[in-house]
Amino acid sequence: MELDAGHLNIPYADKITHFIFYMVFGFVGCLSLRERTFGSLGIRKTVQVVLVVAIAYGIIIEFLQYTVTTDRMAEFGDVLANTLGAFAGIGLIRWVFSKKNPLKWKF
């Protein structure tokens, strides 16, 4: 399925969209889980949970597109873009809360 970008022809625009969405998913998911657990989960456990949820969600959505819908296609490239985006979001959260930055994981 092609992403309508108007008169612009952007190659792999749908894969870029998947990547960015899952990067935000990974980043915001970590922050949300941190807030939801009041900081009791360490960054390692939070990252693991969010990564598993993001990748599983992406695979489930693609599987449902393949089995349930008739007008949408499941693509391995989408799963790959989702997974790489989730890892990028996790990398970003690890960078933001690294020892080099003033933000701390605990309250």
PDB file of N, CA and C in Angstrom:
ATOM      1  N   MET A   1       0.841  -1.172   0.000  1.00  0.00           N
ATOM      2  CA  MET A   1       0.000   0.000   0.000  1.00  0.00           C
ATOM      3  C   MET A   1       0.884   1.233   0.000  1.00  0.00           C
ATOM      4  N   GLU A   2       0.602   2.162  -0.857  1.00  0.00           N
ATOM      5  CA  GLU A   2       1.385   3.383  -0.977  1.00  0.00           C
ATOM      6  C   GLU A   2       0.805   4.479  -0.102  1.00  0.00           C
ATOM      7  N   LEU A   3       1.676   5.220   0.526  1.00  0.00           N
ATOM      8  CA  LEU A   3       1.279   6.365   1.329  1.00  0.00           C
ATOM      9  C   LEU A   3       1.136   7.546   0.395  1.00  0.00           C
ATOM     10  N   ASP A   4      -0.022   8.183   0.407  1.00  0.00           N
ATOM     11  CA  ASP A   4      -0.262   9.321  -0.475  1.00  0.00           C
ATOM     12  C   ASP A   4       0.470  10.546   0.060  1.00  0.00           C
ATOM     13  N   ALA A   5       1.503  10.953  -0.654  1.00  0.00           N
ATOM     14  CA  ALA A   5       2.284  12.117  -0.257  1.00  0.00           C
ATOM     15  C   ALA A   5       2.026  13.281  -1.199  1.00  0.00           C
ATOM     16  N   GLY A   6       0.851  13.286  -1.809  1.00  0.00           N
ATOM     17  CA  GLY A   6       0.526  14.349  -2.747  1.00  0.00           C
ATOM     18  C   GLY A   6       1.305  14.159  -4.034  1.00  0.00           C
ATOM     19  N   HIS A   7       1.931  15.225  -4.499  1.00  0.00           N
ATOM     20  CA  HIS A   7       2.703  15.155  -5.735  1.00  0.00           C
ATOM     21  C   HIS A   7       4.147  14.725  -5.488  1.00  0.00           C
ATOM     22  N   LEU A   8       4.526  14.583  -4.245  1.00  0.00           N
ATOM     23  CA  LEU A   8       5.872  14.136  -3.930  1.00  0.00           C
ATOM     24  C   LEU A   8       5.957  12.621  -4.053  1.00  0.00           C
ATOM     25  N   ASN A   9       7.046  12.156  -4.582  1.00  0.00           N
ATOM     26  CA  ASN A   9       7.275  10.725  -4.662  1.00  0.00           C
ATOM     27  C   ASN A   9       8.400  10.385  -3.690  1.00  0.00           C
ATOM     28  N   ILE A  10       8.032   9.950  -2.504  1.00  0.00           N
ATOM     29  CA  ILE A  10       9.006   9.627  -1.472  1.00  0.00           C
ATOM     30  C   ILE A  10       9.128   8.107  -1.421  1.00  0.00           C
ATOM     31  N   PRO A  11      10.298   7.595  -1.807  1.00  0.00           N
ATOM     32  CA  PRO A  11      10.457   6.137  -1.761  1.00  0.00           C
ATOM     33  C   PRO A  11      10.412   5.619  -0.326  1.00  0.00           C
ATOM     34  N   TYR A  12       9.722   4.525  -0.146  1.00  0.00           N
ATOM     35  CA  TYR A  12       9.600   3.853   1.154  1.00  0.00           C
ATOM     36  C   TYR A  12       8.980   4.749   2.229  1.00  0.00           C
ATOM     37  N   ALA A  13       8.093   5.620   1.848  1.00  0.00           N
ATOM     38  CA  ALA A  13       7.454   6.531   2.811  1.00  0.00           C
ATOM     39  C   ALA A  13       6.687   5.758   3.874  1.00  0.00           C
ATOM     40  N   ASP A  14       6.060   4.654   3.492  1.00  0.00           N
ATOM     41  CA  ASP A  14       5.321   3.880   4.486  1.00  0.00           C
ATOM     42  C   ASP A  14       6.258   3.228   5.497  1.00  0.00           C
ATOM     43  N   LYS A  15       7.426   2.784   5.052  1.00  0.00           N
ATOM     44  CA  LYS A  15       8.395   2.178   5.979  1.00  0.00           C
ATOM     45  C   LYS A  15       8.965   3.241   6.923  1.00  0.00           C
ATOM     46  N   ILE A  16       9.200   4.425   6.407  1.00  0.00           N
ATOM     47  CA  ILE A  16       9.680   5.536   7.238  1.00  0.00           C
ATOM     48  C   ILE A  16       8.637   5.884   8.284  1.00  0.00           C
ATOM     49  N   THR A  17       7.377   5.877   7.885  1.00  0.00           N
ATOM     50  CA  THR A  17       6.282   6.158   8.814  1.00  0.00           C
ATOM     51  C   THR A  17       6.225   5.097   9.909  1.00  0.00           C
ATOM     52  N   HIS A  18       6.337   3.833   9.534  1.00  0.00           N
ATOM     53  CA  HIS A  18       6.351   2.742  10.521  1.00  0.00           C
ATOM     54  C   HIS A  18       7.509   2.929  11.494  1.00  0.00           C
ATOM     55  N   PHE A  19       8.698   3.222  10.966  1.00  0.00           N
ATOM     56  CA  PHE A  19       9.881   3.404  11.798  1.00  0.00           C
ATOM     57  C   PHE A  19       9.676   4.530  12.807  1.00  0.00           C
ATOM     58  N   ILE A  20       9.213   5.669  12.344  1.00  0.00           N
ATOM     59  CA  ILE A  20       9.026   6.827  13.234  1.00  0.00           C
ATOM     60  C   ILE A  20       7.959   6.539  14.281  1.00  0.00           C
ATOM     61  N   PHE A  21       6.853   5.916  13.874  1.00  0.00           N
ATOM     62  CA  PHE A  21       5.792   5.604  14.825  1.00  0.00           C
ATOM     63  C   PHE A  21       6.312   4.698  15.942  1.00  0.00           C
ATOM     64  N   TYR A  22       7.044   3.665  15.578  1.00  0.00           N
ATOM     65  CA  TYR A  22       7.534   2.733  16.600  1.00  0.00           C
ATOM     66  C   TYR A  22       8.697   3.304  17.404  1.00  0.00           C
ATOM     67  N   MET A  23       9.427   4.248  16.844  1.00  0.00           N
ATOM     68  CA  MET A  23      10.450   4.931  17.623  1.00  0.00           C
ATOM     69  C   MET A  23       9.770   5.746  18.728  1.00  0.00           C
ATOM     70  N   VAL A  24       8.717   6.446  18.377  1.00  0.00           N
ATOM     71  CA  VAL A  24       7.945   7.196  19.374  1.00  0.00           C
ATOM     72  C   VAL A  24       7.288   6.230  20.363  1.00  0.00           C
ATOM     73  N   PHE A  25       6.775   5.110  19.857  1.00  0.00           N
ATOM     74  CA  PHE A  25       6.175   4.074  20.703  1.00  0.00           C
ATOM     75  C   PHE A  25       7.176   3.630  21.765  1.00  0.00           C
ATOM     76  N   GLY A  26       8.395   3.303  21.361  1.00  0.00           N
ATOM     77  CA  GLY A  26       9.415   2.845  22.291  1.00  0.00           C
ATOM     78  C   GLY A  26       9.781   3.904  23.316  1.00  0.00           C
ATOM     79  N   PHE A  27       9.952   5.133  22.851  1.00  0.00           N
ATOM     80  CA  PHE A  27      10.353   6.224  23.739  1.00  0.00           C
ATOM     81  C   PHE A  27       9.249   6.570  24.737  1.00  0.00           C
ATOM     82  N   VAL A  28       8.070   6.830  24.220  1.00  0.00           N
ATOM     83  CA  VAL A  28       6.945   7.221  25.080  1.00  0.00           C
ATOM     84  C   VAL A  28       6.489   6.041  25.933  1.00  0.00           C
ATOM     85  N   GLY A  29       6.576   4.822  25.392  1.00  0.00           N
ATOM     86  CA  GLY A  29       6.219   3.643  26.171  1.00  0.00           C
ATOM     87  C   GLY A  29       7.077   3.514  27.414  1.00  0.00           C
ATOM     88  N   CYS A  30       8.367   3.750  27.275  1.00  0.00           N
ATOM     89  CA  CYS A  30       9.268   3.692  28.442  1.00  0.00           C
ATOM     90  C   CYS A  30       8.915   4.767  29.462  1.00  0.00           C
ATOM     91  N   LEU A  31       8.690   5.971  28.979  1.00  0.00           N
ATOM     92  CA  LEU A  31       8.330   7.053  29.903  1.00  0.00           C
ATOM     93  C   LEU A  31       7.000   6.766  30.594  1.00  0.00           C
ATOM     94  N   SER A  32       6.044   6.244  29.848  1.00  0.00           N
ATOM     95  CA  SER A  32       4.727   5.941  30.413  1.00  0.00           C
ATOM     96  C   SER A  32       4.809   4.829  31.451  1.00  0.00           C
ATOM     97  N   LEU A  33       5.545   3.780  31.137  1.00  0.00           N
ATOM     98  CA  LEU A  33       5.691   2.672  32.081  1.00  0.00           C
ATOM     99  C   LEU A  33       6.435   3.138  33.333  1.00  0.00           C
ATOM    100  N   ARG A  34       7.387   4.012  33.150  1.00  0.00           N
ATOM    101  CA  ARG A  34       8.117   4.571  34.290  1.00  0.00           C
ATOM    102  C   ARG A  34       7.161   5.331  35.198  1.00  0.00           C
ATOM    103  N   GLU A  35       6.314   6.165  34.606  1.00  0.00           N
ATOM    104  CA  GLU A  35       5.358   6.935  35.398  1.00  0.00           C
ATOM    105  C   GLU A  35       4.309   6.038  36.036  1.00  0.00           C
ATOM    106  N   ARG A  36       3.857   5.057  35.281  1.00  0.00           N
ATOM    107  CA  ARG A  36       2.811   4.143  35.768  1.00  0.00           C
ATOM    108  C   ARG A  36       3.289   3.322  36.968  1.00  0.00           C
ATOM    109  N   THR A  37       4.564   2.972  36.976  1.00  0.00           N
ATOM    110  CA  THR A  37       5.107   2.170  38.073  1.00  0.00           C
ATOM    111  C   THR A  37       5.793   3.050  39.120  1.00  0.00           C
ATOM    112  N   PHE A  38       5.654   4.348  38.988  1.00  0.00           N
ATOM    113  CA  PHE A  38       6.256   5.311  39.927  1.00  0.00           C
ATOM    114  C   PHE A  38       7.761   5.116  40.050  1.00  0.00           C
ATOM    115  N   GLY A  39       8.393   4.750  38.947  1.00  0.00           N
ATOM    116  CA  GLY A  39       9.841   4.603  38.911  1.00  0.00           C
ATOM    117  C   GLY A  39      10.380   3.367  39.590  1.00  0.00           C
ATOM    118  N   SER A  40       9.491   2.452  39.997  1.00  0.00           N
ATOM    119  CA  SER A  40       9.967   1.264  40.718  1.00  0.00           C
ATOM    120  C   SER A  40      10.669   0.263  39.804  1.00  0.00           C
ATOM    121  N   LEU A  41      10.318   0.233  38.514  1.00  0.00           N
ATOM    122  CA  LEU A  41      11.016  -0.639  37.572  1.00  0.00           C
ATOM    123  C   LEU A  41      12.308   0.044  37.140  1.00  0.00           C
ATOM    124  N   GLY A  42      13.363  -0.709  37.087  1.00  0.00           N
ATOM    125  CA  GLY A  42      14.616  -0.159  36.586  1.00  0.00           C
ATOM    126  C   GLY A  42      14.529   0.072  35.090  1.00  0.00           C
ATOM    127  N   ILE A  43      15.488   0.805  34.578  1.00  0.00           N
ATOM    128  CA  ILE A  43      15.470   1.116  33.152  1.00  0.00           C
ATOM    129  C   ILE A  43      15.613  -0.151  32.309  1.00  0.00           C
ATOM    130  N   ARG A  44      16.413  -1.111  32.767  1.00  0.00           N
ATOM    131  CA  ARG A  44      16.610  -2.352  32.001  1.00  0.00           C
ATOM    132  C   ARG A  44      15.297  -3.124  31.862  1.00  0.00           C
ATOM    133  N   LYS A  45      14.575  -3.316  32.945  1.00  0.00           N
ATOM    134  CA  LYS A  45      13.310  -4.059  32.921  1.00  0.00           C
ATOM    135  C   LYS A  45      12.267  -3.311  32.089  1.00  0.00           C
ATOM    136  N   THR A  46      12.207  -1.997  32.252  1.00  0.00           N
ATOM    137  CA  THR A  46      11.254  -1.184  31.490  1.00  0.00           C
ATOM    138  C   THR A  46      11.523  -1.296  29.998  1.00  0.00           C
ATOM    139  N   VAL A  47      12.781  -1.202  29.615  1.00  0.00           N
ATOM    140  CA  VAL A  47      13.164  -1.309  28.207  1.00  0.00           C
ATOM    141  C   VAL A  47      12.783  -2.678  27.658  1.00  0.00           C
ATOM    142  N   GLN A  48      13.029  -3.731  28.424  1.00  0.00           N
ATOM    143  CA  GLN A  48      12.690  -5.078  27.973  1.00  0.00           C
ATOM    144  C   GLN A  48      11.190  -5.229  27.758  1.00  0.00           C
ATOM    145  N   VAL A  49      10.395  -4.751  28.711  1.00  0.00           N
ATOM    146  CA  VAL A  49       8.938  -4.873  28.603  1.00  0.00           C
ATOM    147  C   VAL A  49       8.423  -4.108  27.388  1.00  0.00           C
ATOM    148  N   VAL A  50       8.863  -2.876  27.242  1.00  0.00           N
ATOM    149  CA  VAL A  50       8.382  -2.049  26.125  1.00  0.00           C
ATOM    150  C   VAL A  50       8.826  -2.627  24.794  1.00  0.00           C
ATOM    151  N   LEU A  51      10.041  -3.123  24.724  1.00  0.00           N
ATOM    152  CA  LEU A  51      10.533  -3.701  23.480  1.00  0.00           C
ATOM    153  C   LEU A  51       9.721  -4.930  23.083  1.00  0.00           C
ATOM    154  N   VAL A  52       9.456  -5.806  24.024  1.00  0.00           N
ATOM    155  CA  VAL A  52       8.667  -7.010  23.737  1.00  0.00           C
ATOM    156  C   VAL A  52       7.241  -6.628  23.309  1.00  0.00           C
ATOM    157  N   VAL A  53       6.641  -5.682  24.019  1.00  0.00           N
ATOM    158  CA  VAL A  53       5.277  -5.259  23.683  1.00  0.00           C
ATOM    159  C   VAL A  53       5.237  -4.612  22.300  1.00  0.00           C
ATOM    160  N   ALA A  54       6.188  -3.746  21.988  1.00  0.00           N
ATOM    161  CA  ALA A  54       6.204  -3.060  20.697  1.00  0.00           C
ATOM    162  C   ALA A  54       6.380  -4.051  19.551  1.00  0.00           C
ATOM    163  N   ILE A  55       7.320  -4.966  19.691  1.00  0.00           N
ATOM    164  CA  ILE A  55       7.562  -5.938  18.614  1.00  0.00           C
ATOM    165  C   ILE A  55       6.374  -6.882  18.462  1.00  0.00           C
ATOM    166  N   ALA A  56       5.835  -7.358  19.577  1.00  0.00           N
ATOM    167  CA  ALA A  56       4.670  -8.247  19.518  1.00  0.00           C
ATOM    168  C   ALA A  56       3.467  -7.536  18.898  1.00  0.00           C
ATOM    169  N   TYR A  57       3.255  -6.287  19.273  1.00  0.00           N
ATOM    170  CA  TYR A  57       2.139  -5.516  18.723  1.00  0.00           C
ATOM    171  C   TYR A  57       2.284  -5.370  17.206  1.00  0.00           C
ATOM    172  N   GLY A  58       3.497  -5.052  16.757  1.00  0.00           N
ATOM    173  CA  GLY A  58       3.729  -4.908  15.318  1.00  0.00           C
ATOM    174  C   GLY A  58       3.476  -6.200  14.564  1.00  0.00           C
ATOM    175  N   ILE A  59       3.913  -7.310  15.124  1.00  0.00           N
ATOM    176  CA  ILE A  59       3.705  -8.613  14.476  1.00  0.00           C
ATOM    177  C   ILE A  59       2.227  -8.974  14.461  1.00  0.00           C
ATOM    178  N   ILE A  60       1.540  -8.747  15.565  1.00  0.00           N
ATOM    179  CA  ILE A  60       0.100  -9.053  15.638  1.00  0.00           C
ATOM    180  C   ILE A  60      -0.683  -8.239  14.623  1.00  0.00           C
ATOM    181  N   ILE A  61      -0.378  -6.946  14.515  1.00  0.00           N
ATOM    182  CA  ILE A  61      -1.083  -6.091  13.544  1.00  0.00           C
ATOM    183  C   ILE A  61      -0.859  -6.601  12.119  1.00  0.00           C
ATOM    184  N   GLU A  62       0.368  -6.953  11.789  1.00  0.00           N
ATOM    185  CA  GLU A  62       0.644  -7.462  10.442  1.00  0.00           C
ATOM    186  C   GLU A  62      -0.052  -8.807  10.213  1.00  0.00           C
ATOM    187  N   PHE A  63      -0.067  -9.662  11.225  1.00  0.00           N
ATOM    188  CA  PHE A  63      -0.748 -10.946  11.115  1.00  0.00           C
ATOM    189  C   PHE A  63      -2.250 -10.740  10.904  1.00  0.00           C
ATOM    190  N   LEU A  64      -2.827  -9.796  11.647  1.00  0.00           N
ATOM    191  CA  LEU A  64      -4.262  -9.505  11.468  1.00  0.00           C
ATOM    192  C   LEU A  64      -4.549  -8.938  10.086  1.00  0.00           C
ATOM    193  N   GLN A  65      -3.663  -8.122   9.571  1.00  0.00           N
ATOM    194  CA  GLN A  65      -3.854  -7.605   8.210  1.00  0.00           C
ATOM    195  C   GLN A  65      -3.849  -8.751   7.203  1.00  0.00           C
ATOM    196  N   TYR A  66      -3.020  -9.731   7.436  1.00  0.00           N
ATOM    197  CA  TYR A  66      -2.920 -10.872   6.526  1.00  0.00           C
ATOM    198  C   TYR A  66      -4.137 -11.780   6.618  1.00  0.00           C
ATOM    199  N   THR A  67      -4.659 -11.994   7.849  1.00  0.00           N
ATOM    200  CA  THR A  67      -5.720 -12.977   8.036  1.00  0.00           C
ATOM    201  C   THR A  67      -7.125 -12.394   8.003  1.00  0.00           C
ATOM    202  N   VAL A  68      -7.305 -11.175   8.467  1.00  0.00           N
ATOM    203  CA  VAL A  68      -8.655 -10.648   8.657  1.00  0.00           C
ATOM    204  C   VAL A  68      -9.106  -9.729   7.528  1.00  0.00           C
ATOM    205  N   THR A  69      -8.201  -8.910   7.008  1.00  0.00           N
ATOM    206  CA  THR A  69      -8.617  -7.920   6.013  1.00  0.00           C
ATOM    207  C   THR A  69      -8.422  -8.453   4.601  1.00  0.00           C
ATOM    208  N   THR A  70      -9.147  -7.838   3.691  1.00  0.00           N
ATOM    209  CA  THR A  70      -9.005  -8.205   2.282  1.00  0.00           C
ATOM    210  C   THR A  70      -8.372  -7.074   1.474  1.00  0.00           C
ATOM    211  N   ASP A  71      -8.371  -5.871   2.008  1.00  0.00           N
ATOM    212  CA  ASP A  71      -7.853  -4.732   1.258  1.00  0.00           C
ATOM    213  C   ASP A  71      -6.490  -4.252   1.755  1.00  0.00           C
ATOM    214  N   ARG A  72      -5.898  -4.960   2.703  1.00  0.00           N
ATOM    215  CA  ARG A  72      -4.577  -4.592   3.225  1.00  0.00           C
ATOM    216  C   ARG A  72      -3.653  -5.792   3.126  1.00  0.00           C
ATOM    217  N   MET A  73      -2.360  -5.496   3.013  1.00  0.00           N
ATOM    218  CA  MET A  73      -1.379  -6.578   2.892  1.00  0.00           C
ATOM    219  C   MET A  73      -0.425  -6.541   4.080  1.00  0.00           C
ATOM    220  N   ALA A  74      -0.056  -7.708   4.543  1.00  0.00           N
ATOM    221  CA  ALA A  74       0.981  -7.809   5.563  1.00  0.00           C
ATOM    222  C   ALA A  74       2.321  -7.821   4.845  1.00  0.00           C
ATOM    223  N   GLU A  75       3.282  -7.090   5.389  1.00  0.00           N
ATOM    224  CA  GLU A  75       4.599  -7.033   4.769  1.00  0.00           C
ATOM    225  C   GLU A  75       5.677  -7.252   5.818  1.00  0.00           C
ATOM    226  N   PHE A  76       6.645  -8.079   5.473  1.00  0.00           N
ATOM    227  CA  PHE A  76       7.774  -8.301   6.369  1.00  0.00           C
ATOM    228  C   PHE A  76       8.552  -7.002   6.572  1.00  0.00           C
ATOM    229  N   GLY A  77       8.601  -6.160   5.542  1.00  0.00           N
ATOM    230  CA  GLY A  77       9.287  -4.879   5.641  1.00  0.00           C
ATOM    231  C   GLY A  77       8.685  -3.989   6.718  1.00  0.00           C
ATOM    232  N   ASP A  78       7.370  -4.079   6.895  1.00  0.00           N
ATOM    233  CA  ASP A  78       6.720  -3.307   7.957  1.00  0.00           C
ATOM    234  C   ASP A  78       7.144  -3.806   9.335  1.00  0.00           C
ATOM    235  N   VAL A  79       7.195  -5.129   9.492  1.00  0.00           N
ATOM    236  CA  VAL A  79       7.632  -5.709  10.767  1.00  0.00           C
ATOM    237  C   VAL A  79       9.070  -5.286  11.055  1.00  0.00           C
ATOM    238  N   LEU A  80       9.909  -5.308  10.039  1.00  0.00           N
ATOM    239  CA  LEU A  80      11.305  -4.906  10.205  1.00  0.00           C
ATOM    240  C   LEU A  80      11.413  -3.426  10.571  1.00  0.00           C
ATOM    241  N   ALA A  81      10.660  -2.574   9.884  1.00  0.00           N
ATOM    242  CA  ALA A  81      10.679  -1.136  10.188  1.00  0.00           C
ATOM    243  C   ALA A  81      10.151  -0.883  11.601  1.00  0.00           C
ATOM    244  N   ASN A  82       9.099  -1.606  11.991  1.00  0.00           N
ATOM    245  CA  ASN A  82       8.553  -1.474  13.351  1.00  0.00           C
ATOM    246  C   ASN A  82       9.610  -1.855  14.391  1.00  0.00           C
ATOM    247  N   THR A  83      10.268  -2.980  14.170  1.00  0.00           N
ATOM    248  CA  THR A  83      11.265  -3.476  15.118  1.00  0.00           C
ATOM    249  C   THR A  83      12.447  -2.520  15.220  1.00  0.00           C
ATOM    250  N   LEU A  84      12.943  -2.070  14.083  1.00  0.00           N
ATOM    251  CA  LEU A  84      14.070  -1.131  14.101  1.00  0.00           C
ATOM    252  C   LEU A  84      13.679   0.188  14.759  1.00  0.00           C
ATOM    253  N   GLY A  85      12.452   0.636  14.516  1.00  0.00           N
ATOM    254  CA  GLY A  85      11.969   1.858  15.155  1.00  0.00           C
ATOM    255  C   GLY A  85      11.871   1.713  16.658  1.00  0.00           C
ATOM    256  N   ALA A  86      11.392   0.546  17.114  1.00  0.00           N
ATOM    257  CA  ALA A  86      11.304   0.299  18.556  1.00  0.00           C
ATOM    258  C   ALA A  86      12.696   0.311  19.183  1.00  0.00           C
ATOM    259  N   PHE A  87      13.656  -0.320  18.520  1.00  0.00           N
ATOM    260  CA  PHE A  87      15.030  -0.300  19.021  1.00  0.00           C
ATOM    261  C   PHE A  87      15.591   1.124  19.041  1.00  0.00           C
ATOM    262  N   ALA A  88      15.255   1.917  18.036  1.00  0.00           N
ATOM    263  CA  ALA A  88      15.725   3.308  18.003  1.00  0.00           C
ATOM    264  C   ALA A  88      15.127   4.107  19.166  1.00  0.00           C
ATOM    265  N   GLY A  89      13.845   3.890  19.454  1.00  0.00           N
ATOM    266  CA  GLY A  89      13.208   4.570  20.585  1.00  0.00           C
ATOM    267  C   GLY A  89      13.835   4.160  21.902  1.00  0.00           C
ATOM    268  N   ILE A  90      14.168   2.873  22.020  1.00  0.00           N
ATOM    269  CA  ILE A  90      14.834   2.375  23.223  1.00  0.00           C
ATOM    270  C   ILE A  90      16.231   2.978  23.328  1.00  0.00           C
ATOM    271  N   GLY A  91      16.933   3.040  22.198  1.00  0.00           N
ATOM    272  CA  GLY A  91      18.258   3.663  22.188  1.00  0.00           C
ATOM    273  C   GLY A  91      18.193   5.114  22.605  1.00  0.00           C
ATOM    274  N   LEU A  92      17.162   5.799  22.140  1.00  0.00           N
ATOM    275  CA  LEU A  92      16.972   7.204  22.504  1.00  0.00           C
ATOM    276  C   LEU A  92      16.690   7.352  23.996  1.00  0.00           C
ATOM    277  N   ILE A  93      15.870   6.480  24.553  1.00  0.00           N
ATOM    278  CA  ILE A  93      15.558   6.561  25.987  1.00  0.00           C
ATOM    279  C   ILE A  93      16.805   6.239  26.805  1.00  0.00           C
ATOM    280  N   ARG A  94      17.600   5.291  26.353  1.00  0.00           N
ATOM    281  CA  ARG A  94      18.836   4.951  27.074  1.00  0.00           C
ATOM    282  C   ARG A  94      19.827   6.114  27.004  1.00  0.00           C
ATOM    283  N   TRP A  95      19.848   6.816  25.869  1.00  0.00           N
ATOM    284  CA  TRP A  95      20.729   7.964  25.734  1.00  0.00           C
ATOM    285  C   TRP A  95      20.269   9.103  26.639  1.00  0.00           C
ATOM    286  N   VAL A  96      18.955   9.358  26.671  1.00  0.00           N
ATOM    287  CA  VAL A  96      18.419  10.449  27.490  1.00  0.00           C
ATOM    288  C   VAL A  96      18.705  10.206  28.963  1.00  0.00           C
ATOM    289  N   PHE A  97      18.647   8.953  29.390  1.00  0.00           N
ATOM    290  CA  PHE A  97      18.873   8.636  30.800  1.00  0.00           C
ATOM    291  C   PHE A  97      20.277   8.055  31.043  1.00  0.00           C
ATOM    292  N   SER A  98      21.205   8.379  30.162  1.00  0.00           N
ATOM    293  CA  SER A  98      22.570   7.880  30.343  1.00  0.00           C
ATOM    294  C   SER A  98      23.292   8.682  31.423  1.00  0.00           C
ATOM    295  N   LYS A  99      24.460   8.222  31.786  1.00  0.00           N
ATOM    296  CA  LYS A  99      25.243   8.894  32.816  1.00  0.00           C
ATOM    297  C   LYS A  99      25.733  10.262  32.359  1.00  0.00           C
ATOM    298  N   LYS A 100      25.747  10.485  31.070  1.00  0.00           N
ATOM    299  CA  LYS A 100      26.235  11.757  30.537  1.00  0.00           C
ATOM    300  C   LYS A 100      25.179  12.852  30.609  1.00  0.00           C
ATOM    301  N   ASN A 101      23.937  12.467  30.823  1.00  0.00           N
ATOM    302  CA  ASN A 101      22.844  13.441  30.846  1.00  0.00           C
ATOM    303  C   ASN A 101      22.328  13.638  32.264  1.00  0.00           C
ATOM    304  N   PRO A 102      21.764  14.799  32.551  1.00  0.00           N
ATOM    305  CA  PRO A 102      21.319  15.089  33.919  1.00  0.00           C
ATOM    306  C   PRO A 102      20.052  14.358  34.347  1.00  0.00           C
ATOM    307  N   LEU A 103      19.261  13.816  33.424  1.00  0.00           N
ATOM    308  CA  LEU A 103      18.048  13.125  33.805  1.00  0.00           C
ATOM    309  C   LEU A 103      18.373  11.820  34.495  1.00  0.00           C
ATOM    310  N   LYS A 104      17.679  11.532  35.553  1.00  0.00           N
ATOM    311  CA  LYS A 104      17.886  10.307  36.308  1.00  0.00           C
ATOM    312  C   LYS A 104      16.639   9.447  36.210  1.00  0.00           C
ATOM    313  N   TRP A 105      16.816   8.132  36.234  1.00  0.00           N
ATOM    314  CA  TRP A 105      15.677   7.230  36.131  1.00  0.00           C
ATOM    315  C   TRP A 105      14.829   7.239  37.385  1.00  0.00           C
ATOM    316  N   LYS A 106      15.454   7.254  38.546  1.00  0.00           N
ATOM    317  CA  LYS A 106      14.700   7.260  39.809  1.00  0.00           C
ATOM    318  C   LYS A 106      14.219   8.675  40.101  1.00  0.00           C
ATOM    319  N   PHE A 107      13.149   8.761  40.866  1.00  0.00           N
ATOM    320  CA  PHE A 107      12.612  10.071  41.241  1.00  0.00           C
ATOM    321  C   PHE A 107      13.475  10.720  42.281  1.00  0.00           C
TER     322      PHE A 107
END
